[in-house]
Amino acid sequence: MTTELAPAPAPLAAPVPRPRIFSGIQPSGVVHLGNDLGAVRNYVRLQYEYEAIYSIVDYHALTSTHDPAALRTQTREMAASLLALGLDPDRCTLFVQSHRPEVTELAWLLTTVTPVSWLERTPTYKEKKEHQQDDVNHGLLAYPVLQAADIVIYKASLVPVGKDQAAHLELSREIVRAFNARYGQTFPEPKAVYTEAPTVLGTDGVRKMSKSVGNTIDVLGPPELIKKQIMSMVTDTQRVLRTDPGRPEVCNVCQLQRAFGDDYESLWDGERTARTGCVDMKRILAERITERYAEARDRYANLMAHPDRIDEILAVGAERIRPIAEATMIEVREKMGLR
């Protein structure tokens, strides 16, 4: 009697590497509702789908922030906010831009293939010249080159952006094409991962939510502050009396309800029929936002009470991507004739 041997198991297939994405965020301090709905929620989701690299871009901040102590504080606050809202350092890389200074060398090298006319036409440069007329520094002009360097030094092929930012990414693609044409194929052309990030209006109901405007909802702040900010929000300016029917399509408070419950259409119907008033809508929104961010507020407070833990996470992130940055710079120097 012979015993047939079972066939040897097939070798395990090597795991398919995930596409690498990169995104940078300004160190503006503690995040507000606009930051979370417009960017951070997407960051959290994408870390499960991609090899995600997220940078707190303090070099970029130097074009408008000139207070060293404030910059350090705001950088740590941003890091704590991102971690509190769901970034997992085991699933993504979070680091501070200046902790990998190779990027500034690459930015300089990329300027040598970037025509000045490309930079002068960027909408952000024109806007910055208007908003800080007493401080039109060279960094404002060269800002897009550093953005391109941020992406390509890590050979990221994808960048999560809203469709309103497509023009900015296209300039990075043009810079990559110019470099590759002159020195040979080196960098992948970064492609957009379009997100459905909404433009979140501030408490004034007119302008985009921004700390510089002072129209934010500080979701990681104390509940009493959140309530105060929401109760001050501008709603439907044509609704004068409590018994007047509302227009949820133009009411900022009603629009924000979409992000905090599946019953927003029922709430909107209450506004249209005047069953509920603007104050009722504000109270509901304040309660839901306070509840939604309760755990994140606790995590943020705990992180800020242990700053060494924040610094350790950022240092580990910068070290994790050091081999990528160094390998890129060796390749670039070689191709450009540098020793």
C-alpha atoms as a PDB file:
ATOM      1  CA  MET A   1       0.000   0.000   0.000  1.00  0.00           C
ATOM      2  CA  THR A   2       1.438   3.297  -0.987  1.00  0.00           C
ATOM      3  CA  THR A   3       0.625   6.608   0.547  1.00  0.00           C
ATOM      4  CA  GLU A   4       0.299   9.524  -1.791  1.00  0.00           C
ATOM      5  CA  LEU A   5       1.995  12.626  -0.562  1.00  0.00           C
ATOM      6  CA  ALA A   6      -0.047  15.784  -0.476  1.00  0.00           C
ATOM      7  CA  PRO A   7       1.175  18.401  -2.933  1.00  0.00           C
ATOM      8  CA  ALA A   8       3.453  20.996  -1.444  1.00  0.00           C
ATOM      9  CA  PRO A   9       1.635  24.206  -0.623  1.00  0.00           C
ATOM     10  CA  ALA A  10       2.065  26.976  -3.125  1.00  0.00           C
ATOM     11  CA  PRO A  11       4.411  29.721  -1.946  1.00  0.00           C
ATOM     12  CA  LEU A  12       2.673  32.723  -0.499  1.00  0.00           C
ATOM     13  CA  ALA A  13       2.438  35.619  -2.908  1.00  0.00           C
ATOM     14  CA  ALA A  14       4.295  38.715  -1.877  1.00  0.00           C
ATOM     15  CA  PRO A  15       1.936  41.399  -0.621  1.00  0.00           C
ATOM     16  CA  VAL A  16       1.086  43.977  -3.252  1.00  0.00           C
ATOM     17  CA  PRO A  17       2.539  47.325  -2.201  1.00  0.00           C
ATOM     18  CA  ARG A  18      -0.034  50.017  -1.671  1.00  0.00           C
ATOM     19  CA  PRO A  19       0.214  53.214  -3.731  1.00  0.00           C
ATOM     20  CA  ARG A  20       2.022  55.989  -1.855  1.00  0.00           C
ATOM     21  CA  ILE A  21       0.226  59.260  -1.182  1.00  0.00           C
ATOM     22  CA  PHE A  22       1.496  62.503   0.309  1.00  0.00           C
ATOM     23  CA  SER A  23      -0.280  65.500   1.773  1.00  0.00           C
ATOM     24  CA  GLY A  24       0.896  68.472   3.804  1.00  0.00           C
ATOM     25  CA  ILE A  25      -1.001  70.605   6.283  1.00  0.00           C
ATOM     26  CA  GLN A  26      -0.071  73.989   7.721  1.00  0.00           C
ATOM     27  CA  PRO A  27       0.845  74.134  11.437  1.00  0.00           C
ATOM     28  CA  SER A  28      -2.034  76.446  12.272  1.00  0.00           C
ATOM     29  CA  GLY A  29      -2.529  75.135  15.807  1.00  0.00           C
ATOM     30  CA  VAL A  30      -5.589  73.301  17.081  1.00  0.00           C
ATOM     31  CA  VAL A  31      -7.832  72.183  14.243  1.00  0.00           C
ATOM     32  CA  HIS A  32     -11.332  73.582  13.786  1.00  0.00           C
ATOM     33  CA  LEU A  33     -14.418  72.093  12.169  1.00  0.00           C
ATOM     34  CA  GLY A  34     -13.421  73.257   8.701  1.00  0.00           C
ATOM     35  CA  ASN A  35     -10.053  71.495   9.005  1.00  0.00           C
ATOM     36  CA  ASP A  36     -11.677  68.235  10.020  1.00  0.00           C
ATOM     37  CA  LEU A  37     -14.480  68.170   7.445  1.00  0.00           C
ATOM     38  CA  GLY A  38     -12.263  69.568   4.698  1.00  0.00           C
ATOM     39  CA  ALA A  39      -9.124  67.459   5.173  1.00  0.00           C
ATOM     40  CA  VAL A  40      -8.566  65.436   8.330  1.00  0.00           C
ATOM     41  CA  ARG A  41     -11.471  63.019   7.865  1.00  0.00           C
ATOM     42  CA  ASN A  42     -10.070  62.143   4.454  1.00  0.00           C
ATOM     43  CA  TYR A  43      -6.588  61.691   5.920  1.00  0.00           C
ATOM     44  CA  VAL A  44      -7.974  59.182   8.412  1.00  0.00           C
ATOM     45  CA  ARG A  45      -9.844  57.242   5.727  1.00  0.00           C
ATOM     46  CA  LEU A  46      -6.959  57.188   3.252  1.00  0.00           C
ATOM     47  CA  GLN A  47      -4.456  55.767   5.765  1.00  0.00           C
ATOM     48  CA  TYR A  48      -6.303  52.449   5.469  1.00  0.00           C
ATOM     49  CA  GLU A  49      -6.172  52.417   1.668  1.00  0.00           C
ATOM     50  CA  TYR A  50      -2.707  53.776   0.835  1.00  0.00           C
ATOM     51  CA  GLU A  51       0.837  54.084   2.096  1.00  0.00           C
ATOM     52  CA  ALA A  52       0.073  57.498   3.534  1.00  0.00           C
ATOM     53  CA  ILE A  53       2.673  60.149   4.361  1.00  0.00           C
ATOM     54  CA  TYR A  54       1.403  63.286   6.093  1.00  0.00           C
ATOM     55  CA  SER A  55       3.606  66.284   6.785  1.00  0.00           C
ATOM     56  CA  ILE A  56       3.096  69.304   9.026  1.00  0.00           C
ATOM     57  CA  VAL A  57       4.667  71.858   6.728  1.00  0.00           C
ATOM     58  CA  ASP A  58       6.480  74.303   8.996  1.00  0.00           C
ATOM     59  CA  TYR A  59       8.840  75.489   6.225  1.00  0.00           C
ATOM     60  CA  HIS A  60       5.776  76.687   4.325  1.00  0.00           C
ATOM     61  CA  ALA A  61       4.462  78.447   7.423  1.00  0.00           C
ATOM     62  CA  LEU A  62       7.569  80.634   7.557  1.00  0.00           C
ATOM     63  CA  THR A  63       6.253  82.631   4.595  1.00  0.00           C
ATOM     64  CA  SER A  64       3.740  84.257   6.952  1.00  0.00           C
ATOM     65  CA  THR A  65       4.571  83.216  10.538  1.00  0.00           C
ATOM     66  CA  HIS A  66       7.645  84.851  12.036  1.00  0.00           C
ATOM     67  CA  ASP A  67       7.195  84.076  15.746  1.00  0.00           C
ATOM     68  CA  PRO A  68       9.437  81.094  16.658  1.00  0.00           C
ATOM     69  CA  ALA A  69       7.622  80.247  19.893  1.00  0.00           C
ATOM     70  CA  ALA A  70       4.222  80.414  18.198  1.00  0.00           C
ATOM     71  CA  LEU A  71       5.390  78.191  15.344  1.00  0.00           C
ATOM     72  CA  ARG A  72       6.683  75.515  17.720  1.00  0.00           C
ATOM     73  CA  THR A  73       3.465  75.578  19.764  1.00  0.00           C
ATOM     74  CA  GLN A  74       1.184  75.493  16.734  1.00  0.00           C
ATOM     75  CA  THR A  75       3.150  72.634  15.184  1.00  0.00           C
ATOM     76  CA  ARG A  76       2.713  70.508  18.288  1.00  0.00           C
ATOM     77  CA  GLU A  77      -0.964  71.468  18.576  1.00  0.00           C
ATOM     78  CA  MET A  78      -1.566  70.434  14.971  1.00  0.00           C
ATOM     79  CA  ALA A  79       0.178  67.096  15.544  1.00  0.00           C
ATOM     80  CA  ALA A  80      -1.875  66.425  18.676  1.00  0.00           C
ATOM     81  CA  SER A  81      -5.060  67.377  16.805  1.00  0.00           C
ATOM     82  CA  LEU A  82      -4.352  65.008  13.922  1.00  0.00           C
ATOM     83  CA  LEU A  83      -3.597  62.144  16.275  1.00  0.00           C
ATOM     84  CA  ALA A  84      -6.641  62.873  18.414  1.00  0.00           C
ATOM     85  CA  LEU A  85      -8.904  62.869  15.366  1.00  0.00           C
ATOM     86  CA  GLY A  86      -7.774  59.459  14.186  1.00  0.00           C
ATOM     87  CA  LEU A  87      -4.388  59.410  12.491  1.00  0.00           C
ATOM     88  CA  ASP A  88      -2.688  56.187  13.568  1.00  0.00           C
ATOM     89  CA  PRO A  89       1.139  56.306  13.515  1.00  0.00           C
ATOM     90  CA  ASP A  90       1.113  52.545  12.926  1.00  0.00           C
ATOM     91  CA  ARG A  91      -0.925  53.002   9.737  1.00  0.00           C
ATOM     92  CA  CYS A  92       0.547  56.220   8.364  1.00  0.00           C
ATOM     93  CA  THR A  93       3.660  58.346   8.643  1.00  0.00           C
ATOM     94  CA  LEU A  94       3.223  61.681  10.409  1.00  0.00           C
ATOM     95  CA  PHE A  95       6.211  64.012  10.634  1.00  0.00           C
ATOM     96  CA  VAL A  96       7.275  67.638  10.620  1.00  0.00           C
ATOM     97  CA  GLN A  97       8.544  68.926   7.285  1.00  0.00           C
ATOM     98  CA  SER A  98      11.726  70.504   8.684  1.00  0.00           C
ATOM     99  CA  HIS A  99      12.704  67.217  10.345  1.00  0.00           C
ATOM    100  CA  ARG A 100      13.628  65.961   6.871  1.00  0.00           C
ATOM    101  CA  PRO A 101      15.672  68.948   5.630  1.00  0.00           C
ATOM    102  CA  GLU A 102      16.625  67.134   2.423  1.00  0.00           C
ATOM    103  CA  VAL A 103      13.451  68.616   0.983  1.00  0.00           C
ATOM    104  CA  THR A 104      14.904  72.113   0.945  1.00  0.00           C
ATOM    105  CA  GLU A 105      17.871  70.949  -1.113  1.00  0.00           C
ATOM    106  CA  LEU A 106      15.539  69.307  -3.595  1.00  0.00           C
ATOM    107  CA  ALA A 107      13.364  72.432  -3.721  1.00  0.00           C
ATOM    108  CA  TRP A 108      16.411  74.502  -4.714  1.00  0.00           C
ATOM    109  CA  LEU A 109      17.359  72.021  -7.412  1.00  0.00           C
ATOM    110  CA  LEU A 110      13.799  72.050  -8.774  1.00  0.00           C
ATOM    111  CA  THR A 111      13.857  75.846  -8.998  1.00  0.00           C
ATOM    112  CA  THR A 112      16.535  75.515 -11.676  1.00  0.00           C
ATOM    113  CA  VAL A 113      14.024  73.848 -14.015  1.00  0.00           C
ATOM    114  CA  THR A 114      11.049  76.045 -13.078  1.00  0.00           C
ATOM    115  CA  PRO A 115      10.399  79.212 -15.104  1.00  0.00           C
ATOM    116  CA  VAL A 116       9.569  82.274 -13.008  1.00  0.00           C
ATOM    117  CA  SER A 117       6.508  82.867 -15.193  1.00  0.00           C
ATOM    118  CA  TRP A 118       4.980  79.605 -13.946  1.00  0.00           C
ATOM    119  CA  LEU A 119       5.235  80.816 -10.360  1.00  0.00           C
ATOM    120  CA  GLU A 120       3.990  84.319 -11.007  1.00  0.00           C
ATOM    121  CA  ARG A 121       0.755  83.029 -12.528  1.00  0.00           C
ATOM    122  CA  THR A 122      -0.293  80.942  -9.498  1.00  0.00           C
ATOM    123  CA  PRO A 123      -3.504  82.154  -7.826  1.00  0.00           C
ATOM    124  CA  THR A 124      -2.088  81.684  -4.333  1.00  0.00           C
ATOM    125  CA  TYR A 125       0.851  83.992  -5.048  1.00  0.00           C
ATOM    126  CA  LYS A 126      -1.492  86.694  -6.289  1.00  0.00           C
ATOM    127  CA  GLU A 127      -3.720  86.275  -3.223  1.00  0.00           C
ATOM    128  CA  LYS A 128      -0.808  86.360  -0.801  1.00  0.00           C
ATOM    129  CA  LYS A 129       0.537  89.533  -2.371  1.00  0.00           C
ATOM    130  CA  GLU A 130      -2.799  91.175  -1.637  1.00  0.00           C
ATOM    131  CA  HIS A 131      -3.211  89.822   1.891  1.00  0.00           C
ATOM    132  CA  GLN A 132       0.312  90.522   3.176  1.00  0.00           C
ATOM    133  CA  GLN A 133       1.461  93.467   1.128  1.00  0.00           C
ATOM    134  CA  ASP A 134       4.110  94.407   3.686  1.00  0.00           C
ATOM    135  CA  ASP A 135       5.698  90.957   3.561  1.00  0.00           C
ATOM    136  CA  VAL A 136       5.891  89.761  -0.042  1.00  0.00           C
ATOM    137  CA  ASN A 137       8.893  87.521   0.547  1.00  0.00           C
ATOM    138  CA  HIS A 138      10.585  85.240  -1.957  1.00  0.00           C
ATOM    139  CA  GLY A 139       9.133  82.218  -0.179  1.00  0.00           C
ATOM    140  CA  LEU A 140       5.657  83.207  -1.364  1.00  0.00           C
ATOM    141  CA  LEU A 141       6.831  83.048  -4.968  1.00  0.00           C
ATOM    142  CA  ALA A 142       8.792  79.805  -4.573  1.00  0.00           C
ATOM    143  CA  TYR A 143       6.092  78.150  -2.458  1.00  0.00           C
ATOM    144  CA  PRO A 144       4.862  75.838  -5.275  1.00  0.00           C
ATOM    145  CA  VAL A 145       8.381  74.511  -5.893  1.00  0.00           C
ATOM    146  CA  LEU A 146       8.681  73.454  -2.267  1.00  0.00           C
ATOM    147  CA  GLN A 147       5.255  71.856  -2.564  1.00  0.00           C
ATOM    148  CA  ALA A 148       6.475  69.841  -5.529  1.00  0.00           C
ATOM    149  CA  ALA A 149       9.604  68.815  -3.612  1.00  0.00           C
ATOM    150  CA  ASP A 150       7.453  67.703  -0.667  1.00  0.00           C
ATOM    151  CA  ILE A 151       5.642  65.258  -2.923  1.00  0.00           C
ATOM    152  CA  VAL A 152       8.345  63.907  -5.176  1.00  0.00           C
ATOM    153  CA  ILE A 153      11.146  63.464  -2.651  1.00  0.00           C
ATOM    154  CA  TYR A 154       9.146  60.521  -1.299  1.00  0.00           C
ATOM    155  CA  LYS A 155       8.250  59.349  -4.829  1.00  0.00           C
ATOM    156  CA  ALA A 156       4.572  59.746  -3.998  1.00  0.00           C
ATOM    157  CA  SER A 157       2.403  59.092  -7.015  1.00  0.00           C
ATOM    158  CA  LEU A 158      -0.889  60.294  -5.561  1.00  0.00           C
ATOM    159  CA  VAL A 159      -1.985  63.443  -3.741  1.00  0.00           C
ATOM    160  CA  PRO A 160      -5.394  63.802  -2.058  1.00  0.00           C
ATOM    161  CA  VAL A 161      -6.874  67.151  -3.094  1.00  0.00           C
ATOM    162  CA  GLY A 162     -10.201  68.829  -3.566  1.00  0.00           C
ATOM    163  CA  LYS A 163     -11.087  69.710  -7.149  1.00  0.00           C
ATOM    164  CA  ASP A 164     -10.514  73.382  -6.347  1.00  0.00           C
ATOM    165  CA  GLN A 165      -6.838  72.558  -5.786  1.00  0.00           C
ATOM    166  CA  ALA A 166      -6.279  70.774  -9.082  1.00  0.00           C
ATOM    167  CA  ALA A 167      -4.400  73.733 -10.579  1.00  0.00           C
ATOM    168  CA  HIS A 168      -1.840  73.682  -7.778  1.00  0.00           C
ATOM    169  CA  LEU A 169      -1.127  70.004  -8.316  1.00  0.00           C
ATOM    170  CA  GLU A 170      -0.839  70.544 -12.060  1.00  0.00           C
ATOM    171  CA  LEU A 171       2.059  72.947 -11.453  1.00  0.00           C
ATOM    172  CA  SER A 172       3.851  70.209  -9.508  1.00  0.00           C
ATOM    173  CA  ARG A 173       3.283  67.910 -12.466  1.00  0.00           C
ATOM    174  CA  GLU A 174       4.752  70.513 -14.835  1.00  0.00           C
ATOM    175  CA  ILE A 175       7.851  70.844 -12.658  1.00  0.00           C
ATOM    176  CA  VAL A 176       8.264  67.059 -12.639  1.00  0.00           C
ATOM    177  CA  ARG A 177       7.930  66.926 -16.412  1.00  0.00           C
ATOM    178  CA  ALA A 178      10.516  69.686 -16.800  1.00  0.00           C
ATOM    179  CA  PHE A 179      13.004  67.853 -14.557  1.00  0.00           C
ATOM    180  CA  ASN A 180      12.456  64.470 -16.195  1.00  0.00           C
ATOM    181  CA  ALA A 181      12.827  65.990 -19.661  1.00  0.00           C
ATOM    182  CA  ARG A 182      16.173  67.532 -18.766  1.00  0.00           C
ATOM    183  CA  TYR A 183      17.736  64.820 -16.604  1.00  0.00           C
ATOM    184  CA  GLY A 184      15.901  61.614 -17.470  1.00  0.00           C
ATOM    185  CA  GLN A 185      13.004  59.806 -15.865  1.00  0.00           C
ATOM    186  CA  THR A 186      13.345  60.367 -12.127  1.00  0.00           C
ATOM    187  CA  PHE A 187      10.031  61.275 -10.536  1.00  0.00           C
ATOM    188  CA  PRO A 188       6.522  59.929 -11.096  1.00  0.00           C
ATOM    189  CA  GLU A 189       4.026  62.588 -12.117  1.00  0.00           C
ATOM    190  CA  PRO A 190       1.784  62.915  -9.073  1.00  0.00           C
ATOM    191  CA  LYS A 191      -1.876  62.332  -9.784  1.00  0.00           C
ATOM    192  CA  ALA A 192      -4.829  63.670  -7.837  1.00  0.00           C
ATOM    193  CA  VAL A 193      -6.931  61.544  -5.539  1.00  0.00           C
ATOM    194  CA  TYR A 194      -9.996  63.736  -5.650  1.00  0.00           C
ATOM    195  CA  THR A 195     -11.873  63.951  -2.403  1.00  0.00           C
ATOM    196  CA  GLU A 196     -15.388  65.147  -1.753  1.00  0.00           C
ATOM    197  CA  ALA A 197     -14.117  67.570   0.864  1.00  0.00           C
ATOM    198  CA  PRO A 198     -16.655  70.383   1.197  1.00  0.00           C
ATOM    199  CA  THR A 199     -15.880  74.049   1.497  1.00  0.00           C
ATOM    200  CA  VAL A 200     -16.950  74.712   5.062  1.00  0.00           C
ATOM    201  CA  LEU A 201     -18.293  78.196   5.664  1.00  0.00           C
ATOM    202  CA  GLY A 202     -17.521  79.887   8.950  1.00  0.00           C
ATOM    203  CA  THR A 203     -19.886  81.165  11.604  1.00  0.00           C
ATOM    204  CA  ASP A 204     -20.439  84.294   9.508  1.00  0.00           C
ATOM    205  CA  GLY A 205     -22.042  82.127   6.815  1.00  0.00           C
ATOM    206  CA  VAL A 206     -20.127  83.925   4.072  1.00  0.00           C
ATOM    207  CA  ARG A 207     -16.406  83.188   4.156  1.00  0.00           C
ATOM    208  CA  LYS A 208     -14.524  79.916   4.397  1.00  0.00           C
ATOM    209  CA  MET A 209     -13.916  78.882   7.990  1.00  0.00           C
ATOM    210  CA  SER A 210     -10.509  80.260   8.977  1.00  0.00           C
ATOM    211  CA  LYS A 211      -8.658  81.324  12.081  1.00  0.00           C
ATOM    212  CA  SER A 212      -7.391  84.414  10.313  1.00  0.00           C
ATOM    213  CA  VAL A 213     -11.004  85.479   9.752  1.00  0.00           C
ATOM    214  CA  GLY A 214     -12.092  84.479  13.277  1.00  0.00           C
ATOM    215  CA  ASN A 215     -15.180  82.506  12.182  1.00  0.00           C
ATOM    216  CA  THR A 216     -14.273  79.016  13.415  1.00  0.00           C
ATOM    217  CA  ILE A 217     -15.959  76.311  15.454  1.00  0.00           C
ATOM    218  CA  ASP A 218     -13.251  74.901  17.715  1.00  0.00           C
ATOM    219  CA  VAL A 219     -14.353  71.280  17.973  1.00  0.00           C
ATOM    220  CA  LEU A 220     -11.516  70.309  20.332  1.00  0.00           C
ATOM    221  CA  GLY A 221     -12.288  73.192  22.676  1.00  0.00           C
ATOM    222  CA  PRO A 222     -14.517  73.035  25.766  1.00  0.00           C
ATOM    223  CA  PRO A 223     -18.243  72.371  25.174  1.00  0.00           C
ATOM    224  CA  GLU A 224     -19.231  75.810  26.393  1.00  0.00           C
ATOM    225  CA  LEU A 225     -17.013  77.424  23.750  1.00  0.00           C
ATOM    226  CA  ILE A 226     -18.468  75.215  20.996  1.00  0.00           C
ATOM    227  CA  LYS A 227     -21.993  76.153  22.053  1.00  0.00           C
ATOM    228  CA  LYS A 228     -21.151  79.857  22.167  1.00  0.00           C
ATOM    229  CA  GLN A 229     -19.644  79.768  18.685  1.00  0.00           C
ATOM    230  CA  ILE A 230     -22.540  77.859  17.167  1.00  0.00           C
ATOM    231  CA  MET A 231     -25.194  80.019  18.804  1.00  0.00           C
ATOM    232  CA  SER A 232     -23.504  83.036  17.189  1.00  0.00           C
ATOM    233  CA  MET A 233     -23.792  81.580  13.672  1.00  0.00           C
ATOM    234  CA  VAL A 234     -25.543  83.458  10.902  1.00  0.00           C
ATOM    235  CA  THR A 235     -28.457  81.467   9.474  1.00  0.00           C
ATOM    236  CA  ASP A 236     -31.095  82.317   6.854  1.00  0.00           C
ATOM    237  CA  THR A 237     -31.007  86.107   6.721  1.00  0.00           C
ATOM    238  CA  GLN A 238     -34.443  86.241   5.072  1.00  0.00           C
ATOM    239  CA  ARG A 239     -36.088  84.435   7.955  1.00  0.00           C
ATOM    240  CA  VAL A 240     -37.181  87.213  10.282  1.00  0.00           C
ATOM    241  CA  LEU A 241     -39.880  85.656  12.474  1.00  0.00           C
ATOM    242  CA  ARG A 242     -39.885  82.271  14.186  1.00  0.00           C
ATOM    243  CA  THR A 243     -43.029  81.406  12.224  1.00  0.00           C
ATOM    244  CA  ASP A 244     -41.434  82.191   8.862  1.00  0.00           C
ATOM    245  CA  PRO A 245     -40.546  79.122   6.746  1.00  0.00           C
ATOM    246  CA  GLY A 246     -36.804  78.595   6.469  1.00  0.00           C
ATOM    247  CA  ARG A 247     -34.549  77.807   3.529  1.00  0.00           C
ATOM    248  CA  PRO A 248     -32.204  75.003   4.617  1.00  0.00           C
ATOM    249  CA  GLU A 249     -30.448  75.069   1.244  1.00  0.00           C
ATOM    250  CA  VAL A 250     -28.938  78.460   2.086  1.00  0.00           C
ATOM    251  CA  CYS A 251     -28.702  78.120   5.882  1.00  0.00           C
ATOM    252  CA  ASN A 252     -25.160  77.253   6.981  1.00  0.00           C
ATOM    253  CA  VAL A 253     -26.366  75.634  10.214  1.00  0.00           C
ATOM    254  CA  CYS A 254     -28.688  73.339   8.265  1.00  0.00           C
ATOM    255  CA  GLN A 255     -25.947  72.473   5.793  1.00  0.00           C
ATOM    256  CA  LEU A 256     -23.594  71.416   8.591  1.00  0.00           C
ATOM    257  CA  GLN A 257     -26.242  69.012   9.918  1.00  0.00           C
ATOM    258  CA  ARG A 258     -25.429  66.806   6.907  1.00  0.00           C
ATOM    259  CA  ALA A 259     -22.100  65.868   8.532  1.00  0.00           C
ATOM    260  CA  PHE A 260     -23.604  64.887  11.875  1.00  0.00           C
ATOM    261  CA  GLY A 261     -26.574  62.645  11.240  1.00  0.00           C
ATOM    262  CA  ASP A 262     -28.581  60.829   8.601  1.00  0.00           C
ATOM    263  CA  ASP A 263     -31.761  62.628   9.647  1.00  0.00           C
ATOM    264  CA  TYR A 264     -30.775  65.986   8.226  1.00  0.00           C
ATOM    265  CA  GLU A 265     -33.563  65.895   5.609  1.00  0.00           C
ATOM    266  CA  SER A 266     -36.111  65.549   8.403  1.00  0.00           C
ATOM    267  CA  LEU A 267     -34.509  68.496  10.171  1.00  0.00           C
ATOM    268  CA  TRP A 268     -34.604  70.487   6.955  1.00  0.00           C
ATOM    269  CA  ASP A 269     -38.296  69.728   6.558  1.00  0.00           C
ATOM    270  CA  GLY A 270     -38.856  71.121  10.030  1.00  0.00           C
ATOM    271  CA  GLU A 271     -37.215  74.351   8.924  1.00  0.00           C
ATOM    272  CA  ARG A 272     -39.224  74.600   5.722  1.00  0.00           C
ATOM    273  CA  THR A 273     -42.512  74.189   7.596  1.00  0.00           C
ATOM    274  CA  ALA A 274     -41.421  76.390  10.537  1.00  0.00           C
ATOM    275  CA  ARG A 275     -41.905  73.522  13.013  1.00  0.00           C
ATOM    276  CA  THR A 276     -38.407  74.383  14.180  1.00  0.00           C
ATOM    277  CA  GLY A 277     -36.570  77.678  14.323  1.00  0.00           C
ATOM    278  CA  CYS A 278     -32.970  78.753  13.830  1.00  0.00           C
ATOM    279  CA  VAL A 279     -32.238  78.583  17.560  1.00  0.00           C
ATOM    280  CA  ASP A 280     -33.518  74.989  17.641  1.00  0.00           C
ATOM    281  CA  MET A 281     -31.201  74.082  14.756  1.00  0.00           C
ATOM    282  CA  LYS A 282     -28.239  75.659  16.496  1.00  0.00           C
ATOM    283  CA  ARG A 283     -28.908  73.772  19.735  1.00  0.00           C
ATOM    284  CA  ILE A 284     -29.155  70.463  17.899  1.00  0.00           C
ATOM    285  CA  LEU A 285     -25.919  71.142  16.005  1.00  0.00           C
ATOM    286  CA  ALA A 286     -24.094  72.189  19.178  1.00  0.00           C
ATOM    287  CA  GLU A 287     -25.180  69.020  20.974  1.00  0.00           C
ATOM    288  CA  ARG A 288     -24.158  66.778  18.096  1.00  0.00           C
ATOM    289  CA  ILE A 289     -20.769  68.385  17.556  1.00  0.00           C
ATOM    290  CA  THR A 290     -20.034  68.317  21.285  1.00  0.00           C
ATOM    291  CA  GLU A 291     -20.904  64.612  21.418  1.00  0.00           C
ATOM    292  CA  ARG A 292     -19.144  63.730  18.153  1.00  0.00           C
ATOM    293  CA  TYR A 293     -15.801  65.143  19.305  1.00  0.00           C
ATOM    294  CA  ALA A 294     -15.953  64.211  23.003  1.00  0.00           C
ATOM    295  CA  GLU A 295     -13.439  61.358  22.768  1.00  0.00           C
ATOM    296  CA  ALA A 296     -11.166  63.347  20.463  1.00  0.00           C
ATOM    297  CA  ARG A 297     -11.143  66.237  22.951  1.00  0.00           C
ATOM    298  CA  ASP A 298     -10.066  63.850  25.708  1.00  0.00           C
ATOM    299  CA  ARG A 299      -7.334  62.357  23.516  1.00  0.00           C
ATOM    300  CA  TYR A 300      -6.111  65.820  22.550  1.00  0.00           C
ATOM    301  CA  ALA A 301      -5.929  66.944  26.182  1.00  0.00           C
ATOM    302  CA  ASN A 302      -4.042  63.788  27.121  1.00  0.00           C
ATOM    303  CA  LEU A 303      -1.533  64.231  24.293  1.00  0.00           C
ATOM    304  CA  MET A 304      -0.907  67.880  25.119  1.00  0.00           C
ATOM    305  CA  ALA A 305      -0.311  66.863  28.740  1.00  0.00           C
ATOM    306  CA  HIS A 306       2.453  64.529  27.483  1.00  0.00           C
ATOM    307  CA  PRO A 307       4.328  66.530  24.812  1.00  0.00           C
ATOM    308  CA  ASP A 308       7.211  64.060  24.807  1.00  0.00           C
ATOM    309  CA  ARG A 309       4.849  61.454  23.381  1.00  0.00           C
ATOM    310  CA  ILE A 310       3.905  63.787  20.526  1.00  0.00           C
ATOM    311  CA  ASP A 311       7.542  64.567  19.809  1.00  0.00           C
ATOM    312  CA  GLU A 312       8.411  60.867  19.821  1.00  0.00           C
ATOM    313  CA  ILE A 313       5.721  60.040  17.247  1.00  0.00           C
ATOM    314  CA  LEU A 314       6.924  62.853  14.992  1.00  0.00           C
ATOM    315  CA  ALA A 315      10.559  61.799  15.358  1.00  0.00           C
ATOM    316  CA  VAL A 316       9.735  58.179  14.512  1.00  0.00           C
ATOM    317  CA  GLY A 317       7.823  59.361  11.447  1.00  0.00           C
ATOM    318  CA  ALA A 318      10.742  61.471  10.212  1.00  0.00           C
ATOM    319  CA  GLU A 319      13.162  58.592  10.732  1.00  0.00           C
ATOM    320  CA  ARG A 320      10.873  56.121   8.965  1.00  0.00           C
ATOM    321  CA  ILE A 321      11.019  58.084   5.714  1.00  0.00           C
ATOM    322  CA  ARG A 322      14.684  59.086   5.970  1.00  0.00           C
ATOM    323  CA  PRO A 323      15.870  56.231   3.690  1.00  0.00           C
ATOM    324  CA  ILE A 324      13.407  57.324   0.984  1.00  0.00           C
ATOM    325  CA  ALA A 325      14.504  60.969   1.114  1.00  0.00           C
ATOM    326  CA  GLU A 326      18.199  60.095   1.154  1.00  0.00           C
ATOM    327  CA  ALA A 327      17.896  57.644  -1.742  1.00  0.00           C
ATOM    328  CA  THR A 328      16.040  60.229  -3.809  1.00  0.00           C
ATOM    329  CA  MET A 329      18.693  62.861  -3.197  1.00  0.00           C
ATOM    330  CA  ILE A 330      21.521  60.469  -4.128  1.00  0.00           C
ATOM    331  CA  GLU A 331      19.746  59.756  -7.406  1.00  0.00           C
ATOM    332  CA  VAL A 332      19.029  63.451  -8.109  1.00  0.00           C
ATOM    333  CA  ARG A 333      22.569  64.621  -7.335  1.00  0.00           C
ATOM    334  CA  GLU A 334      23.982  61.945  -9.603  1.00  0.00           C
ATOM    335  CA  LYS A 335      21.708  62.863 -12.495  1.00  0.00           C
ATOM    336  CA  MET A 336      22.420  66.579 -12.111  1.00  0.00           C
ATOM    337  CA  GLY A 337      26.188  66.114 -12.013  1.00  0.00           C
ATOM    338  CA  LEU A 338      26.647  66.950  -8.318  1.00  0.00           C
ATOM    339  CA  ARG A 339      29.106  65.228  -6.027  1.00  0.00           C
END
